[in-house]
């Protein structure tokens, strides 16, 4: 299966199943947070062991934190981690616009990439 066809299939599955779309959106948000922690730690030139020392915990704990295997990550833990990385935490909740709500529950749950709209894909295939 080509990548474009696969992405279209995923989009269709997410549009057809709002519950799946929400689960995917949640998982993507968690992965983004984990990636931000890793990127910031690396930018600061710290190893997992260095960060663990700053947090007063163990390197395996940091590995779990960065890999998403840490359950029920709380705001306090995020703030403590941010402080150890000389950073701040910013949490934002924004209402979803009605037109965007359907996409947020469906296709937009997949990480943004250079996806074309259905109209753009139709134009491209007509050429």
N, C-alpha and C. Protein backbone atom coordinates (compact mmCIF):
# COMPACT_ATOMS: atom_id res chain seq x y z
N UNK A 1 0.86 -1.17 0.00
CA UNK A 1 0.00 0.00 0.00
C UNK A 1 0.90 1.24 0.00
N UNK A 2 0.64 2.15 -0.90
CA UNK A 2 1.42 3.38 -0.96
C UNK A 2 1.05 4.29 0.20
N UNK A 3 1.98 5.16 0.53
CA UNK A 3 1.78 6.02 1.69
C UNK A 3 0.52 6.87 1.57
N UNK A 4 0.29 7.46 0.41
CA UNK A 4 -0.89 8.31 0.23
C UNK A 4 -2.17 7.50 0.43
N UNK A 5 -2.21 6.30 -0.11
CA UNK A 5 -3.39 5.46 0.05
C UNK A 5 -3.57 5.08 1.51
N UNK A 6 -2.48 4.82 2.20
CA UNK A 6 -2.53 4.46 3.60
C UNK A 6 -3.08 5.62 4.43
N UNK A 7 -2.59 6.82 4.16
CA UNK A 7 -3.06 8.00 4.89
C UNK A 7 -4.54 8.25 4.62
N UNK A 8 -4.97 8.07 3.37
CA UNK A 8 -6.38 8.22 3.05
C UNK A 8 -7.22 7.19 3.81
N UNK A 9 -6.71 5.97 3.92
CA UNK A 9 -7.43 4.93 4.65
C UNK A 9 -7.54 5.31 6.13
N UNK A 10 -6.43 5.79 6.70
CA UNK A 10 -6.46 6.23 8.10
C UNK A 10 -7.47 7.35 8.28
N UNK A 11 -7.43 8.34 7.38
CA UNK A 11 -8.37 9.45 7.47
C UNK A 11 -9.81 8.95 7.45
N UNK A 12 -10.11 8.00 6.58
CA UNK A 12 -11.47 7.47 6.48
C UNK A 12 -11.85 6.74 7.76
N UNK A 13 -10.93 5.96 8.31
CA UNK A 13 -11.22 5.24 9.55
C UNK A 13 -11.49 6.22 10.70
N UNK A 14 -10.71 7.28 10.78
CA UNK A 14 -10.88 8.25 11.85
C UNK A 14 -12.18 9.04 11.69
N UNK A 15 -12.53 9.34 10.45
CA UNK A 15 -13.79 10.06 10.21
C UNK A 15 -14.98 9.18 10.55
N UNK A 16 -14.85 7.89 10.33
CA UNK A 16 -15.95 6.96 10.58
C UNK A 16 -16.12 6.61 12.06
N UNK A 17 -15.07 6.80 12.84
CA UNK A 17 -15.10 6.38 14.24
C UNK A 17 -14.59 7.50 15.15
N UNK A 18 -15.49 8.38 15.61
CA UNK A 18 -15.07 9.51 16.45
C UNK A 18 -14.34 9.09 17.74
N UNK A 19 -14.73 7.96 18.30
CA UNK A 19 -14.06 7.48 19.51
C UNK A 19 -12.60 7.13 19.22
N UNK A 20 -12.37 6.47 18.11
CA UNK A 20 -11.00 6.16 17.69
C UNK A 20 -10.23 7.44 17.42
N UNK A 21 -10.88 8.39 16.77
CA UNK A 21 -10.23 9.67 16.46
C UNK A 21 -9.79 10.38 17.74
N UNK A 22 -10.65 10.37 18.75
CA UNK A 22 -10.28 11.01 20.03
C UNK A 22 -9.12 10.28 20.68
N UNK A 23 -9.13 8.96 20.63
CA UNK A 23 -8.02 8.18 21.22
C UNK A 23 -6.72 8.47 20.49
N UNK A 24 -6.78 8.57 19.19
CA UNK A 24 -5.58 8.88 18.41
C UNK A 24 -5.09 10.29 18.72
N UNK A 25 -6.01 11.24 18.80
CA UNK A 25 -5.64 12.62 19.13
C UNK A 25 -4.96 12.69 20.50
N UNK A 26 -5.50 11.96 21.47
CA UNK A 26 -4.89 11.94 22.81
C UNK A 26 -3.49 11.34 22.76
N UNK A 27 -3.34 10.24 22.04
CA UNK A 27 -2.03 9.58 21.94
C UNK A 27 -1.02 10.48 21.26
N UNK A 28 -1.44 11.18 20.21
CA UNK A 28 -0.53 12.09 19.51
C UNK A 28 -0.11 13.23 20.43
N UNK A 29 -1.04 13.77 21.20
CA UNK A 29 -0.70 14.85 22.14
C UNK A 29 0.31 14.38 23.17
N UNK A 30 0.13 13.17 23.68
CA UNK A 30 1.08 12.62 24.66
C UNK A 30 2.45 12.43 24.03
N UNK A 31 2.49 11.92 22.81
CA UNK A 31 3.78 11.71 22.14
C UNK A 31 4.50 13.02 21.90
N UNK A 32 3.74 14.06 21.56
CA UNK A 32 4.36 15.37 21.35
C UNK A 32 5.00 15.87 22.63
N UNK A 33 4.32 15.70 23.75
CA UNK A 33 4.86 16.12 25.03
C UNK A 33 6.14 15.36 25.35
N UNK A 34 6.12 14.06 25.16
CA UNK A 34 7.31 13.25 25.43
C UNK A 34 8.46 13.68 24.53
N UNK A 35 8.18 13.96 23.26
CA UNK A 35 9.21 14.39 22.33
C UNK A 35 9.78 15.75 22.74
N UNK A 36 8.93 16.62 23.27
CA UNK A 36 9.40 17.92 23.73
C UNK A 36 10.37 17.77 24.90
N UNK A 37 10.06 16.86 25.82
CA UNK A 37 10.95 16.64 26.97
C UNK A 37 12.30 16.13 26.49
N UNK A 38 12.30 15.14 25.61
CA UNK A 38 13.55 14.59 25.09
C UNK A 38 14.35 15.67 24.36
N UNK A 39 13.68 16.42 23.49
CA UNK A 39 14.37 17.45 22.71
C UNK A 39 14.99 18.52 23.61
N UNK A 40 14.26 18.93 24.63
CA UNK A 40 14.77 19.96 25.54
C UNK A 40 15.95 19.42 26.36
N UNK A 41 15.83 18.18 26.82
CA UNK A 41 16.94 17.58 27.57
C UNK A 41 18.19 17.52 26.70
N UNK A 42 18.03 17.09 25.46
CA UNK A 42 19.17 16.99 24.55
C UNK A 42 19.73 18.37 24.21
N UNK A 43 18.85 19.34 24.02
CA UNK A 43 19.28 20.71 23.73
C UNK A 43 20.12 21.27 24.88
N UNK A 44 19.76 20.88 26.10
CA UNK A 44 20.51 21.33 27.28
C UNK A 44 21.80 20.54 27.48
N UNK A 45 22.01 19.51 26.65
CA UNK A 45 23.23 18.71 26.75
C UNK A 45 23.21 17.76 27.94
N UNK A 46 22.03 17.36 28.36
CA UNK A 46 21.90 16.50 29.53
C UNK A 46 21.61 15.06 29.10
N UNK A 47 22.15 14.13 29.86
CA UNK A 47 21.79 12.72 29.68
C UNK A 47 20.57 12.45 30.54
N UNK A 48 19.99 11.28 30.35
CA UNK A 48 18.87 10.89 31.22
C UNK A 48 19.33 10.83 32.67
N UNK A 49 20.54 10.37 32.89
CA UNK A 49 21.08 10.30 34.25
C UNK A 49 21.21 11.70 34.85
N UNK A 50 21.68 12.67 34.04
CA UNK A 50 21.80 14.05 34.52
C UNK A 50 20.43 14.61 34.92
N UNK A 51 19.45 14.39 34.06
CA UNK A 51 18.10 14.88 34.37
C UNK A 51 17.56 14.19 35.62
N UNK A 52 17.81 12.91 35.74
CA UNK A 52 17.36 12.17 36.92
C UNK A 52 17.93 12.79 38.19
N UNK A 53 19.21 13.13 38.16
CA UNK A 53 19.82 13.76 39.34
C UNK A 53 19.12 15.07 39.68
N UNK A 54 18.85 15.87 38.64
CA UNK A 54 18.18 17.15 38.87
C UNK A 54 16.77 16.96 39.42
N UNK A 55 16.12 15.86 39.02
CA UNK A 55 14.77 15.58 39.50
C UNK A 55 14.77 14.85 40.84
N UNK A 56 15.93 14.36 41.24
CA UNK A 56 16.01 13.59 42.47
C UNK A 56 15.39 12.21 42.31
N UNK A 57 15.58 11.62 41.14
CA UNK A 57 15.00 10.31 40.86
C UNK A 57 16.02 9.46 40.11
N UNK A 58 15.58 8.38 39.50
CA UNK A 58 16.49 7.46 38.83
C UNK A 58 16.44 7.63 37.31
N UNK A 59 17.48 7.16 36.63
CA UNK A 59 17.52 7.21 35.17
C UNK A 59 16.38 6.37 34.56
N UNK A 60 16.07 5.18 35.09
CA UNK A 60 14.93 4.44 34.52
C UNK A 60 13.61 5.22 34.60
N UNK A 61 13.43 6.02 35.64
CA UNK A 61 12.22 6.84 35.75
C UNK A 61 12.17 7.85 34.60
N UNK A 62 13.30 8.49 34.31
CA UNK A 62 13.37 9.46 33.21
C UNK A 62 13.10 8.75 31.88
N UNK A 63 13.64 7.55 31.72
CA UNK A 63 13.40 6.79 30.49
C UNK A 63 11.91 6.51 30.33
N UNK A 64 11.24 6.15 31.42
CA UNK A 64 9.80 5.91 31.37
C UNK A 64 9.04 7.20 31.05
N UNK A 65 9.47 8.29 31.64
CA UNK A 65 8.85 9.59 31.40
C UNK A 65 8.94 9.95 29.92
N UNK A 66 10.11 9.76 29.34
CA UNK A 66 10.34 10.14 27.94
C UNK A 66 9.70 9.17 26.94
N UNK A 67 9.45 7.96 27.36
CA UNK A 67 8.90 6.96 26.44
C UNK A 67 7.38 6.82 26.54
N UNK A 68 6.79 7.51 27.50
CA UNK A 68 5.35 7.42 27.67
C UNK A 68 4.89 6.23 28.49
N UNK A 69 5.83 5.54 29.10
CA UNK A 69 5.45 4.39 29.92
C UNK A 69 5.12 4.79 31.35
N UNK A 70 5.23 6.06 31.66
CA UNK A 70 4.89 6.56 32.99
C UNK A 70 3.40 6.88 32.99
N UNK A 71 2.66 6.21 33.83
CA UNK A 71 1.21 6.39 33.88
C UNK A 71 0.85 7.58 34.76
N UNK A 72 -0.23 8.25 34.38
CA UNK A 72 -0.79 9.35 35.17
C UNK A 72 0.22 10.46 35.45
N UNK A 73 0.84 10.93 34.41
CA UNK A 73 1.78 12.04 34.53
C UNK A 73 1.01 13.29 34.94
N UNK A 74 1.38 13.87 36.05
CA UNK A 74 0.65 15.01 36.58
C UNK A 74 1.34 16.33 36.28
N UNK A 75 0.61 17.39 36.52
CA UNK A 75 1.12 18.74 36.29
C UNK A 75 2.33 19.01 37.17
N UNK A 76 2.30 18.56 38.41
CA UNK A 76 3.44 18.77 39.32
C UNK A 76 4.71 18.15 38.75
N UNK A 77 4.58 16.95 38.21
CA UNK A 77 5.74 16.27 37.63
C UNK A 77 6.25 17.05 36.43
N UNK A 78 5.34 17.54 35.60
CA UNK A 78 5.74 18.34 34.44
C UNK A 78 6.45 19.62 34.86
N UNK A 79 5.92 20.28 35.87
CA UNK A 79 6.54 21.52 36.36
C UNK A 79 7.92 21.23 36.93
N UNK A 80 8.05 20.17 37.68
CA UNK A 80 9.35 19.78 38.25
C UNK A 80 10.35 19.46 37.13
N UNK A 81 9.89 18.76 36.12
CA UNK A 81 10.74 18.42 34.99
C UNK A 81 11.15 19.68 34.23
N UNK A 82 10.20 20.57 34.00
CA UNK A 82 10.51 21.82 33.32
C UNK A 82 11.53 22.64 34.09
N UNK A 83 11.34 22.72 35.40
CA UNK A 83 12.28 23.46 36.24
C UNK A 83 13.68 22.86 36.13
N UNK A 84 13.77 21.52 36.12
CA UNK A 84 15.06 20.85 36.01
C UNK A 84 15.71 21.10 34.66
N UNK A 85 14.90 21.43 33.66
CA UNK A 85 15.42 21.69 32.32
C UNK A 85 15.50 23.19 32.02
N UNK A 86 15.36 24.01 33.06
CA UNK A 86 15.36 25.47 32.90
C UNK A 86 14.33 25.91 31.86
N UNK A 87 13.13 25.41 32.03
CA UNK A 87 12.04 25.72 31.11
C UNK A 87 10.78 26.03 31.92
N UNK A 88 9.72 26.35 31.22
CA UNK A 88 8.43 26.58 31.85
C UNK A 88 7.40 25.66 31.23
N UNK A 89 6.30 25.47 31.93
CA UNK A 89 5.19 24.67 31.42
C UNK A 89 4.07 25.63 31.05
N UNK A 90 3.50 25.41 29.90
CA UNK A 90 2.36 26.20 29.45
C UNK A 90 1.27 25.23 29.03
N UNK A 91 0.15 25.28 29.72
CA UNK A 91 -0.98 24.41 29.40
C UNK A 91 -2.08 25.29 28.85
N UNK A 92 -2.61 24.88 27.70
CA UNK A 92 -3.62 25.70 27.05
C UNK A 92 -4.79 24.83 26.64
N UNK A 93 -5.97 25.28 26.95
CA UNK A 93 -7.18 24.64 26.46
C UNK A 93 -7.92 25.67 25.64
N UNK A 94 -8.29 25.27 24.45
CA UNK A 94 -8.99 26.18 23.56
C UNK A 94 -10.23 25.49 23.02
N UNK A 95 -11.31 26.22 22.90
CA UNK A 95 -12.51 25.61 22.33
C UNK A 95 -12.27 25.24 20.87
N UNK A 96 -12.88 24.16 20.46
CA UNK A 96 -12.76 23.71 19.08
C UNK A 96 -13.91 24.31 18.30
N UNK A 97 -13.58 24.93 17.17
CA UNK A 97 -14.63 25.49 16.32
C UNK A 97 -15.46 24.35 15.73
N UNK A 98 -16.73 24.62 15.47
CA UNK A 98 -17.63 23.57 14.97
C UNK A 98 -17.11 22.91 13.70
N UNK A 99 -16.64 23.68 12.75
CA UNK A 99 -16.15 23.10 11.50
C UNK A 99 -14.90 22.26 11.77
N UNK A 100 -14.09 22.73 12.68
CA UNK A 100 -12.85 22.00 12.99
C UNK A 100 -13.12 20.82 13.90
N UNK A 101 -14.23 20.85 14.63
CA UNK A 101 -14.52 19.77 15.57
C UNK A 101 -14.59 18.42 14.87
N UNK A 102 -15.26 18.37 13.73
CA UNK A 102 -15.37 17.10 13.00
C UNK A 102 -13.99 16.62 12.57
N UNK A 103 -13.16 17.55 12.11
CA UNK A 103 -11.79 17.16 11.72
C UNK A 103 -10.99 16.74 12.93
N UNK A 104 -11.16 17.44 14.06
CA UNK A 104 -10.41 17.10 15.27
C UNK A 104 -10.78 15.71 15.75
N UNK A 105 -12.01 15.33 15.51
CA UNK A 105 -12.45 14.00 15.91
C UNK A 105 -12.10 12.97 14.85
N UNK A 106 -11.63 13.42 13.74
CA UNK A 106 -11.33 12.51 12.63
C UNK A 106 -9.94 12.70 12.10
N UNK A 107 -9.85 13.19 10.90
CA UNK A 107 -8.59 13.24 10.16
C UNK A 107 -7.51 14.07 10.85
N UNK A 108 -7.89 15.13 11.52
CA UNK A 108 -6.89 15.99 12.14
C UNK A 108 -6.22 15.33 13.34
N UNK A 109 -6.74 14.22 13.80
CA UNK A 109 -6.12 13.51 14.92
C UNK A 109 -4.77 12.94 14.52
N UNK A 110 -4.58 12.72 13.24
CA UNK A 110 -3.28 12.26 12.75
C UNK A 110 -2.37 13.47 12.76
N UNK A 111 -1.13 13.31 13.16
CA UNK A 111 -0.20 14.43 13.25
C UNK A 111 -0.20 15.21 11.94
N UNK A 112 -0.21 16.54 12.03
CA UNK A 112 -0.24 17.34 10.81
C UNK A 112 0.96 17.02 9.93
N UNK A 113 0.71 16.85 8.69
CA UNK A 113 1.77 16.62 7.72
C UNK A 113 1.31 17.25 6.42
N UNK A 114 2.00 17.06 5.40
CA UNK A 114 1.69 17.72 4.14
C UNK A 114 0.56 17.00 3.43
N UNK A 115 -0.59 16.90 4.11
CA UNK A 115 -1.75 16.26 3.53
C UNK A 115 -2.48 17.26 2.66
N UNK A 116 -3.01 16.77 1.59
CA UNK A 116 -3.81 17.62 0.73
C UNK A 116 -5.27 17.43 1.10
N UNK A 117 -6.04 18.46 0.87
CA UNK A 117 -7.47 18.34 1.10
C UNK A 117 -8.06 17.42 0.05
N UNK A 118 -9.26 16.97 0.27
CA UNK A 118 -9.91 16.09 -0.70
C UNK A 118 -10.05 16.79 -2.05
N UNK A 119 -10.34 18.08 -2.02
CA UNK A 119 -10.47 18.84 -3.27
C UNK A 119 -9.14 18.91 -4.01
N UNK A 120 -8.04 19.15 -3.27
CA UNK A 120 -6.72 19.22 -3.90
C UNK A 120 -6.31 17.87 -4.46
N UNK A 121 -6.63 16.77 -3.74
CA UNK A 121 -6.31 15.44 -4.25
C UNK A 121 -7.10 15.14 -5.51
N UNK A 122 -8.38 15.56 -5.53
CA UNK A 122 -9.21 15.31 -6.71
C UNK A 122 -8.68 16.08 -7.91
N UNK A 123 -8.27 17.34 -7.70
CA UNK A 123 -7.71 18.13 -8.79
C UNK A 123 -6.43 17.50 -9.32
N UNK A 124 -5.59 17.04 -8.39
CA UNK A 124 -4.31 16.46 -8.78
C UNK A 124 -4.51 15.17 -9.57
N UNK A 125 -5.49 14.36 -9.18
CA UNK A 125 -5.72 13.10 -9.89
C UNK A 125 -6.40 13.32 -11.23
N UNK A 126 -7.10 14.45 -11.39
CA UNK A 126 -7.76 14.76 -12.65
C UNK A 126 -6.78 15.22 -13.72
N UNK A 127 -5.62 15.63 -13.29
CA UNK A 127 -4.61 16.15 -14.25
C UNK A 127 -4.00 15.07 -15.01
